[in-house]
Each structure stands twice: as C-alpha cells, then as structure tokens.
Amino acid sequence: VFQLVLFGEIDPEITFEFNEIAVDERAQNASTFKQQVDSLIALQGAGVIDNAEIREYVRTSDISGLDFISEEVPERNADPETMQIMSGAINPQMPGQQIEEQGKGTEEWQKNLLS
C-alpha cells in the first residue's frame, strides 16, 4: 500500500516476511497430551476402550515422549490383598475389614488390572 501511494506502483522485488510468534511447543504438547489422556481415561471408564488401547496410544503418540514403552505388557505381581487395598475393598488402617459399598466391584477391578 505504501509503495502504491508513494510511488504509484508496487515493486515486485520488494518483499517481507512476518516472524512467527514464539510458542513454547513443549508446554503446548504437554497440555495437549494431558487432555488426550484425560479423554482416554474417560473412554476407558465408559467401557469404550481398554487398557491395551490406551497403552498403544500413549506409546505411539508423537507428543507423549513415551515411545520407549515396549509393546509387551509387563506382568503384574501384586498379591490379592494389595489389589484389594488398591481398589478400596479393604481399609488399610484396619486390615481384614471389608468396605461393603466399595468392595462389591473388587472382582471386576482385579480382572481389569490383570488384563
């Protein structure tokens, strides 16, 4: 516009480039990946996907930085009592005491943990 106003024509030899606004790509990727993982966990909770699908997504994501995770799922060596404590079926403060309202889903939780 300035060339046109000042000289009456535009010189095609004169060009300019805009500098891109600096973006912290690592912070942006971390935020994006967290949102994706939160969505995956919600989908898993709804029964849409399983642990293996989440593991594969996390392992192959370009922004996760977790490409070192192997394709093979490691074996779990937790004993049954530890699994019940983790699921909330047993109160760790009072060993052996069942928490009825939380304990009813323990078998399903253990099955999912071992798969």
C-alpha atoms as a PDB file:
ATOM      1  CA  VAL A   1       0.000   0.000   0.000  1.00  0.00           C
ATOM      2  CA  PHE A   2       2.818   2.411   0.874  1.00  0.00           C
ATOM      3  CA  GLN A   3       4.569   1.732  -2.421  1.00  0.00           C
ATOM      4  CA  LEU A   4       1.372   2.363  -4.331  1.00  0.00           C
ATOM      5  CA  VAL A   5       0.706   5.622  -2.511  1.00  0.00           C
ATOM      6  CA  LEU A   6       4.284   6.923  -2.601  1.00  0.00           C
ATOM      7  CA  PHE A   7       5.454   5.686  -5.987  1.00  0.00           C
ATOM      8  CA  GLY A   8       2.262   4.934  -7.884  1.00  0.00           C
ATOM      9  CA  GLU A   9       3.182   1.289  -8.393  1.00  0.00           C
ATOM     10  CA  ILE A  10       4.207  -1.831  -6.484  1.00  0.00           C
ATOM     11  CA  ASP A  11       7.736  -3.143  -6.970  1.00  0.00           C
ATOM     12  CA  PRO A  12       7.517  -6.988  -7.025  1.00  0.00           C
ATOM     13  CA  GLU A  13      11.180  -7.234  -5.968  1.00  0.00           C
ATOM     14  CA  ILE A  14      10.410  -5.800  -2.527  1.00  0.00           C
ATOM     15  CA  THR A  15       9.050  -8.448  -0.188  1.00  0.00           C
ATOM     16  CA  PHE A  16       8.776  -9.064   3.538  1.00  0.00           C
ATOM     17  CA  GLU A  17       8.166 -11.980   5.847  1.00  0.00           C
ATOM     18  CA  PHE A  18       6.467 -11.989   9.226  1.00  0.00           C
ATOM     19  CA  ASN A  19       8.245 -13.617  12.126  1.00  0.00           C
ATOM     20  CA  GLU A  20       6.149 -16.295  13.777  1.00  0.00           C
ATOM     21  CA  ILE A  21       5.048 -15.661  17.312  1.00  0.00           C
ATOM     22  CA  ALA A  22       7.162 -17.748  19.654  1.00  0.00           C
ATOM     23  CA  VAL A  23       5.265 -20.689  21.094  1.00  0.00           C
ATOM     24  CA  ASP A  24       6.551 -22.946  23.853  1.00  0.00           C
ATOM     25  CA  GLU A  25       5.996 -26.172  21.952  1.00  0.00           C
ATOM     26  CA  ARG A  26       6.885 -28.458  24.865  1.00  0.00           C
ATOM     27  CA  ALA A  27       4.376 -26.805  27.185  1.00  0.00           C
ATOM     28  CA  GLN A  28       1.714 -26.869  24.473  1.00  0.00           C
ATOM     29  CA  ASN A  29       2.384 -30.558  23.755  1.00  0.00           C
ATOM     30  CA  ALA A  30       2.251 -31.424  27.463  1.00  0.00           C
ATOM     31  CA  SER A  31      -1.090 -29.674  27.834  1.00  0.00           C
ATOM     32  CA  THR A  32      -2.496 -31.320  24.712  1.00  0.00           C
ATOM     33  CA  PHE A  33      -1.277 -34.759  25.777  1.00  0.00           C
ATOM     34  CA  LYS A  34      -2.799 -34.362  29.248  1.00  0.00           C
ATOM     35  CA  GLN A  35      -6.165 -33.518  27.682  1.00  0.00           C
ATOM     36  CA  GLN A  36      -5.884 -36.536  25.394  1.00  0.00           C
ATOM     37  CA  VAL A  37      -5.039 -38.864  28.288  1.00  0.00           C
ATOM     38  CA  ASP A  38      -7.941 -37.472  30.336  1.00  0.00           C
ATOM     39  CA  SER A  39     -10.232 -38.257  27.393  1.00  0.00           C
ATOM     40  CA  LEU A  40      -8.783 -41.767  27.087  1.00  0.00           C
ATOM     41  CA  ILE A  41      -9.388 -42.414  30.783  1.00  0.00           C
ATOM     42  CA  ALA A  42     -12.986 -41.233  30.429  1.00  0.00           C
ATOM     43  CA  LEU A  43     -13.468 -43.529  27.432  1.00  0.00           C
ATOM     44  CA  GLN A  44     -11.984 -46.416  29.397  1.00  0.00           C
ATOM     45  CA  GLY A  45     -14.299 -45.694  32.313  1.00  0.00           C
ATOM     46  CA  ALA A  46     -17.258 -45.775  29.929  1.00  0.00           C
ATOM     47  CA  GLY A  47     -16.102 -49.125  28.551  1.00  0.00           C
ATOM     48  CA  VAL A  48     -15.398 -47.770  25.077  1.00  0.00           C
ATOM     49  CA  ILE A  49     -11.687 -48.685  25.069  1.00  0.00           C
ATOM     50  CA  ASP A  50      -9.474 -50.937  27.202  1.00  0.00           C
ATOM     51  CA  ASN A  51      -6.040 -50.693  28.834  1.00  0.00           C
ATOM     52  CA  ALA A  52      -4.263 -52.145  25.796  1.00  0.00           C
ATOM     53  CA  GLU A  53      -5.694 -49.458  23.523  1.00  0.00           C
ATOM     54  CA  ILE A  54      -4.664 -46.703  25.937  1.00  0.00           C
ATOM     55  CA  ARG A  55      -1.174 -48.195  26.220  1.00  0.00           C
ATOM     56  CA  GLU A  56      -0.823 -48.340  22.430  1.00  0.00           C
ATOM     57  CA  TYR A  57      -1.982 -44.735  22.021  1.00  0.00           C
ATOM     58  CA  VAL A  58       0.388 -43.440  24.705  1.00  0.00           C
ATOM     59  CA  ARG A  59       3.272 -45.482  23.295  1.00  0.00           C
ATOM     60  CA  THR A  60       2.816 -44.268  19.704  1.00  0.00           C
ATOM     61  CA  SER A  61       1.791 -40.649  20.293  1.00  0.00           C
ATOM     62  CA  ASP A  62       4.137 -38.162  18.623  1.00  0.00           C
ATOM     63  CA  ILE A  63       3.865 -35.723  21.533  1.00  0.00           C
ATOM     64  CA  SER A  64       3.919 -38.050  24.545  1.00  0.00           C
ATOM     65  CA  GLY A  65       7.649 -38.633  24.735  1.00  0.00           C
ATOM     66  CA  LEU A  66       6.820 -42.173  25.875  1.00  0.00           C
ATOM     67  CA  ASP A  67       7.950 -44.021  22.759  1.00  0.00           C
ATOM     68  CA  PHE A  68      10.352 -46.056  24.922  1.00  0.00           C
ATOM     69  CA  ILE A  69       7.428 -48.113  26.305  1.00  0.00           C
ATOM     70  CA  SER A  70       7.607 -51.640  24.941  1.00  0.00           C
ATOM     71  CA  GLU A  71       4.789 -53.291  23.042  1.00  0.00           C
ATOM     72  CA  GLU A  72       4.647 -56.103  25.580  1.00  0.00           C
ATOM     73  CA  VAL A  73       2.587 -55.505  28.715  1.00  0.00           C
ATOM     74  CA  PRO A  74       4.587 -56.199  31.877  1.00  0.00           C
ATOM     75  CA  GLU A  75       3.319 -58.851  34.281  1.00  0.00           C
ATOM     76  CA  ARG A  76       1.694 -57.668  37.466  1.00  0.00           C
ATOM     77  CA  ASN A  77       2.966 -59.281  40.629  1.00  0.00           C
ATOM     78  CA  ALA A  78       0.630 -57.719  43.189  1.00  0.00           C
ATOM     79  CA  ASP A  79      -0.755 -60.081  45.787  1.00  0.00           C
ATOM     80  CA  PRO A  80      -4.571 -60.271  46.208  1.00  0.00           C
ATOM     81  CA  GLU A  81      -4.604 -58.284  49.484  1.00  0.00           C
ATOM     82  CA  THR A  82      -2.609 -55.427  47.924  1.00  0.00           C
ATOM     83  CA  MET A  83      -5.023 -55.391  44.989  1.00  0.00           C
ATOM     84  CA  GLN A  84      -7.986 -55.196  47.391  1.00  0.00           C
ATOM     85  CA  ILE A  85      -6.367 -52.301  49.257  1.00  0.00           C
ATOM     86  CA  MET A  86      -5.710 -50.503  45.958  1.00  0.00           C
ATOM     87  CA  SER A  87      -9.297 -50.999  44.863  1.00  0.00           C
ATOM     88  CA  GLY A  88     -10.638 -49.702  48.164  1.00  0.00           C
ATOM     89  CA  ALA A  89     -12.168 -53.057  49.101  1.00  0.00           C
ATOM     90  CA  ILE A  90     -10.044 -53.311  52.246  1.00  0.00           C
ATOM     91  CA  ASN A  91      -9.321 -50.486  54.639  1.00  0.00           C
ATOM     92  CA  PRO A  92      -5.510 -50.413  55.053  1.00  0.00           C
ATOM     93  CA  GLN A  93      -5.921 -48.829  58.501  1.00  0.00           C
ATOM     94  CA  MET A  94      -7.931 -51.856  59.685  1.00  0.00           C
ATOM     95  CA  PRO A  95      -6.612 -54.943  57.841  1.00  0.00           C
ATOM     96  CA  GLY A  96      -9.184 -57.599  57.111  1.00  0.00           C
ATOM     97  CA  GLN A  97     -12.131 -55.202  57.355  1.00  0.00           C
ATOM     98  CA  GLN A  98     -14.218 -55.140  54.173  1.00  0.00           C
ATOM     99  CA  ILE A  99     -15.710 -51.908  52.929  1.00  0.00           C
ATOM    100  CA  GLU A 100     -19.028 -53.197  51.634  1.00  0.00           C
ATOM    101  CA  GLU A 101     -20.122 -50.349  49.375  1.00  0.00           C
ATOM    102  CA  GLN A 102     -16.735 -50.188  47.641  1.00  0.00           C
ATOM    103  CA  GLY A 103     -15.898 -53.882  47.881  1.00  0.00           C
ATOM    104  CA  LYS A 104     -18.694 -55.083  45.631  1.00  0.00           C
ATOM    105  CA  GLY A 105     -16.782 -54.113  42.450  1.00  0.00           C
ATOM    106  CA  THR A 106     -13.459 -55.578  43.533  1.00  0.00           C
ATOM    107  CA  GLU A 107     -13.604 -58.667  41.336  1.00  0.00           C
ATOM    108  CA  GLU A 108     -14.199 -56.596  38.204  1.00  0.00           C
ATOM    109  CA  TRP A 109     -11.407 -54.190  39.165  1.00  0.00           C
ATOM    110  CA  GLN A 110      -8.995 -57.080  39.721  1.00  0.00           C
ATOM    111  CA  LYS A 111      -9.945 -58.612  36.382  1.00  0.00           C
ATOM    112  CA  ASN A 112      -9.266 -55.281  34.617  1.00  0.00           C
ATOM    113  CA  LEU A 113      -5.992 -54.816  36.483  1.00  0.00           C
ATOM    114  CA  LEU A 114      -4.700 -58.207  35.416  1.00  0.00           C
ATOM    115  CA  SER A 115      -5.783 -57.909  31.784  1.00  0.00           C
END
